[in-house]
Amino acid sequence: MDQVKAMKVFVRIYERSSFTLAAEDLNLPRATLTHTLNQFEAWLGTRLLERSTRKVRPTLDGEAYYLRCVQLLAELEEAELAFRGCAPKGRLRVDLHGTLARHFVIPALPQFMERYPDIELSISEADRFVDLIAEGVDCVLRAGTLSDSALIGKRIANLRQITCASPAYLRKYGEPQSLEDLRHHRAVNYVSRTTAKFSPSNSWSMVS
């Protein structure tokens, strides 16, 4: 039995809570995943996942073993890349904010694909909270502050915020002299779909 393959199968089923979704992610038949997991559990001498017709959930042993598997697989991948000098490969699932995607990511894709030809990108565009594990997403790109401390965030750029108005608007309503003045003006604001609140991390423009 290929223990590394079995660990990867177990981890993906655990994270997706579904044999079907895990099979799609790994590009393997569902029956292969079932057979591999059954063999793996028999080899370990314990049941890792409880299966029903509607849901897959981990056992207590499965919860503990999942954490060890994630750590071991990450260290193994790091060691392989260091000694084999391998370029990254495989499917990378990314969820992007629309404006950031159009202006920064999409224009750079040709260079990225030329540099990493073995990576298969799967890109979705949204502005909502994404459960990375449940939805099988590897990373998201968002503007603003990371509120979930369980996630690992890395700042990749600073974006300048601007407030703008047309000359016709300023002639009609006057020019604001302070931030407080903006409360009395008409504007197009960005409202986050996640929080339903105005987001200060996006541009603000006045309309007549």
Protein backbone atom coordinates (compact mmCIF):
# COMPACT_ATOMS: atom_id res chain seq x y z
CA MET A 1 0.00 0.00 0.00
CA ASP A 2 1.22 3.50 -0.89
CA GLN A 3 1.00 5.18 2.50
CA VAL A 4 1.63 8.69 1.17
CA LYS A 5 -1.13 8.34 -1.41
CA ALA A 6 -3.46 6.95 1.27
CA MET A 7 -2.71 9.90 3.54
CA LYS A 8 -3.47 12.35 0.74
CA VAL A 9 -6.74 10.57 0.01
CA PHE A 10 -7.74 10.63 3.68
CA VAL A 11 -6.85 14.32 4.06
CA ARG A 12 -8.85 15.34 1.01
CA ILE A 13 -11.93 13.34 2.05
CA TYR A 14 -11.65 14.79 5.56
CA GLU A 15 -11.43 18.37 4.27
CA ARG A 16 -14.24 18.02 1.74
CA SER A 17 -16.49 15.84 3.93
CA SER A 18 -17.38 14.01 0.74
CA PHE A 19 -15.98 11.11 -1.26
CA THR A 20 -17.44 12.54 -4.46
CA LEU A 21 -15.91 16.01 -4.07
CA ALA A 22 -12.59 14.54 -2.98
CA ALA A 23 -12.55 12.28 -6.02
CA GLU A 24 -13.13 15.29 -8.28
CA ASP A 25 -10.31 17.21 -6.60
CA LEU A 26 -7.86 14.31 -6.92
CA ASN A 27 -9.09 13.34 -10.40
CA LEU A 28 -9.62 9.75 -9.28
CA PRO A 29 -12.63 7.42 -9.40
CA ARG A 30 -14.76 7.50 -6.25
CA ALA A 31 -14.38 3.74 -5.92
CA THR A 32 -10.60 4.15 -5.78
CA LEU A 33 -10.88 6.52 -2.85
CA THR A 34 -13.22 4.17 -1.00
CA HIS A 35 -10.91 1.19 -1.55
CA THR A 36 -7.81 3.17 -0.55
CA LEU A 37 -9.38 4.47 2.65
CA ASN A 38 -10.69 1.03 3.62
CA GLN A 39 -7.20 -0.45 3.16
CA PHE A 40 -5.62 2.41 5.08
CA GLU A 41 -7.98 2.06 8.03
CA ALA A 42 -7.38 -1.70 8.11
CA TRP A 43 -3.61 -1.12 8.05
CA LEU A 44 -3.83 1.44 10.88
CA GLY A 45 -6.23 -0.72 12.85
CA THR A 46 -8.69 2.10 13.47
CA ARG A 47 -11.60 3.84 11.78
CA LEU A 48 -10.77 7.36 10.63
CA LEU A 49 -14.06 8.45 9.08
CA GLU A 50 -17.69 7.65 9.76
CA ARG A 51 -19.68 7.32 6.55
CA SER A 52 -23.39 7.68 5.96
CA THR A 53 -25.48 8.21 2.84
CA ARG A 54 -25.51 11.97 3.48
CA LYS A 55 -22.34 12.91 5.34
CA VAL A 56 -18.76 11.97 6.08
CA ARG A 57 -17.39 12.98 9.47
CA PRO A 58 -14.15 12.14 11.28
CA THR A 59 -13.86 9.93 14.32
CA LEU A 60 -11.81 11.05 17.31
CA ASP A 61 -8.86 9.06 15.91
CA GLY A 62 -9.49 10.67 12.53
CA GLU A 63 -9.38 14.17 14.02
CA ALA A 64 -6.03 13.49 15.66
CA TYR A 65 -4.55 11.68 12.69
CA TYR A 66 -5.59 14.42 10.26
CA LEU A 67 -3.42 16.97 12.05
CA ARG A 68 -0.42 14.65 11.89
CA CYS A 69 -1.04 13.88 8.22
CA VAL A 70 -1.19 17.55 7.22
CA GLN A 71 2.09 18.23 8.99
CA LEU A 72 3.84 15.17 7.54
CA LEU A 73 2.65 15.82 3.98
CA ALA A 74 3.76 19.45 4.15
CA GLU A 75 7.22 18.46 5.38
CA LEU A 76 7.49 15.76 2.73
CA GLU A 77 6.57 18.17 -0.05
CA GLU A 78 9.06 20.74 1.23
CA ALA A 79 11.83 18.14 1.34
CA GLU A 80 11.08 16.89 -2.16
CA LEU A 81 11.14 20.38 -3.63
CA ALA A 82 14.41 21.19 -1.86
CA PHE A 83 16.31 18.10 -3.00
CA ARG A 84 14.77 17.44 -6.39
CA GLY A 85 14.61 21.04 -7.49
CA CYS A 86 11.11 20.41 -8.82
CA ALA A 87 8.96 23.22 -10.10
CA PRO A 88 5.49 23.54 -8.53
CA LYS A 89 2.78 21.53 -10.28
CA GLY A 90 -0.82 20.46 -9.84
CA ARG A 91 -4.17 22.21 -9.54
CA LEU A 92 -4.28 25.51 -7.66
CA ARG A 93 -7.73 26.81 -6.65
CA VAL A 94 -7.86 30.57 -6.12
CA ASP A 95 -10.80 32.84 -5.30
CA LEU A 96 -10.32 36.49 -6.24
CA HIS A 97 -12.01 39.81 -5.60
CA GLY A 98 -13.29 41.07 -8.97
CA THR A 99 -11.52 44.43 -9.07
CA LEU A 100 -8.22 42.99 -7.88
CA ALA A 101 -8.51 40.18 -10.42
CA ARG A 102 -9.15 42.47 -13.38
CA HIS A 103 -6.45 45.02 -12.62
CA PHE A 104 -3.67 42.95 -11.09
CA VAL A 105 -4.02 39.18 -11.41
CA ILE A 106 -5.52 38.54 -14.86
CA PRO A 107 -2.98 40.74 -16.70
CA ALA A 108 -0.12 38.82 -15.03
CA LEU A 109 -1.45 35.34 -15.85
CA PRO A 110 0.52 34.89 -19.13
CA GLN A 111 3.80 35.46 -17.28
CA PHE A 112 2.73 33.19 -14.44
CA MET A 113 1.76 30.33 -16.75
CA GLU A 114 4.98 30.70 -18.71
CA ARG A 115 6.98 30.44 -15.50
CA TYR A 116 4.89 27.60 -14.00
CA PRO A 117 3.53 25.59 -16.94
CA ASP A 118 2.71 22.56 -14.78
CA ILE A 119 0.25 24.44 -12.58
CA GLU A 120 -3.42 24.15 -13.50
CA LEU A 121 -5.23 27.24 -12.27
CA SER A 122 -8.88 27.12 -11.22
CA ILE A 123 -10.04 30.69 -10.59
CA SER A 124 -13.35 31.89 -9.17
CA GLU A 125 -14.43 35.47 -8.59
CA ALA A 126 -16.45 36.58 -5.57
CA ASP A 127 -16.56 38.88 -2.58
CA ARG A 128 -17.76 36.71 0.27
CA PHE A 129 -16.39 34.63 3.09
CA VAL A 130 -14.85 31.46 1.67
CA ASP A 131 -14.44 28.35 3.81
CA LEU A 132 -11.15 27.20 2.31
CA ILE A 133 -11.28 23.66 3.68
CA ALA A 134 -14.95 22.93 3.05
CA GLU A 135 -14.91 24.43 -0.46
CA GLY A 136 -11.54 23.03 -1.46
CA VAL A 137 -10.00 26.46 -2.13
CA ASP A 138 -6.24 26.85 -1.70
CA CYS A 139 -6.12 30.62 -1.24
CA VAL A 140 -8.16 33.79 -1.60
CA LEU A 141 -7.19 37.34 -2.49
CA ARG A 142 -9.04 40.07 -0.62
CA ALA A 143 -8.64 43.72 0.30
CA GLY A 144 -8.86 44.71 3.94
CA THR A 145 -8.01 43.20 7.30
CA LEU A 146 -8.00 39.47 7.97
CA SER A 147 -10.54 38.87 10.72
CA ASP A 148 -10.29 35.08 11.06
CA SER A 149 -7.15 34.30 13.04
CA ALA A 150 -7.39 30.63 12.06
CA LEU A 151 -6.25 31.57 8.56
CA ILE A 152 -2.75 32.54 7.47
CA GLY A 153 -2.64 35.91 5.75
CA LYS A 154 0.15 37.61 3.85
CA ARG A 155 0.13 41.20 2.69
CA ILE A 156 1.15 41.36 -0.96
CA ALA A 157 0.48 45.02 -1.74
CA ASN A 158 -0.76 48.34 -0.42
CA LEU A 159 -3.53 50.00 -2.42
CA ARG A 160 -4.17 53.73 -2.36
CA GLN A 161 -7.71 54.85 -1.61
CA ILE A 162 -9.09 57.87 -3.42
CA THR A 163 -12.17 60.04 -3.28
CA CYS A 164 -13.13 61.61 -6.60
CA ALA A 165 -15.85 63.81 -8.07
CA SER A 166 -16.70 65.27 -11.46
CA PRO A 167 -16.36 69.03 -12.05
CA ALA A 168 -20.14 69.20 -12.59
CA TYR A 169 -20.78 67.65 -9.17
CA LEU A 170 -18.43 70.05 -7.40
CA ARG A 171 -20.05 73.06 -9.08
CA LYS A 172 -23.49 71.86 -7.94
CA TYR A 173 -22.76 70.62 -4.42
CA GLY A 174 -19.47 72.23 -3.47
CA GLU A 175 -16.12 70.72 -2.59
CA PRO A 176 -15.78 68.90 0.75
CA GLN A 177 -13.01 70.19 2.97
CA SER A 178 -12.89 67.38 5.54
CA LEU A 179 -13.85 63.75 6.00
CA GLU A 180 -16.86 64.83 8.04
CA ASP A 181 -18.12 66.82 5.04
CA LEU A 182 -18.44 63.60 3.06
CA ARG A 183 -21.41 62.56 5.19
CA HIS A 184 -23.50 65.26 3.52
CA HIS A 185 -22.61 64.34 -0.05
CA ARG A 186 -24.05 61.85 -2.51
CA ALA A 187 -21.73 58.99 -3.27
CA VAL A 188 -21.25 55.55 -4.74
CA ASN A 189 -19.87 53.40 -1.93
CA TYR A 190 -18.71 49.82 -1.86
CA VAL A 191 -20.71 47.54 0.44
CA SER A 192 -19.19 44.19 1.38
CA ARG A 193 -21.36 41.16 0.66
CA THR A 194 -19.76 39.48 3.65
CA THR A 195 -20.52 42.10 6.30
CA ALA A 196 -23.21 44.18 4.52
CA LYS A 197 -21.25 47.25 5.64
CA PHE A 198 -19.40 49.99 3.79
CA SER A 199 -15.79 48.97 3.23
CA PRO A 200 -13.16 51.73 3.59
CA SER A 201 -10.66 49.66 1.64
CA ASN A 202 -12.30 50.53 -1.69
CA SER A 203 -12.53 53.73 -3.70
CA TRP A 204 -15.37 56.21 -3.10
CA SER A 205 -16.83 58.47 -5.78
CA MET A 206 -19.45 61.19 -5.81
CA VAL A 207 -22.43 61.29 -8.14
CA SER A 208 -24.94 64.00 -8.98
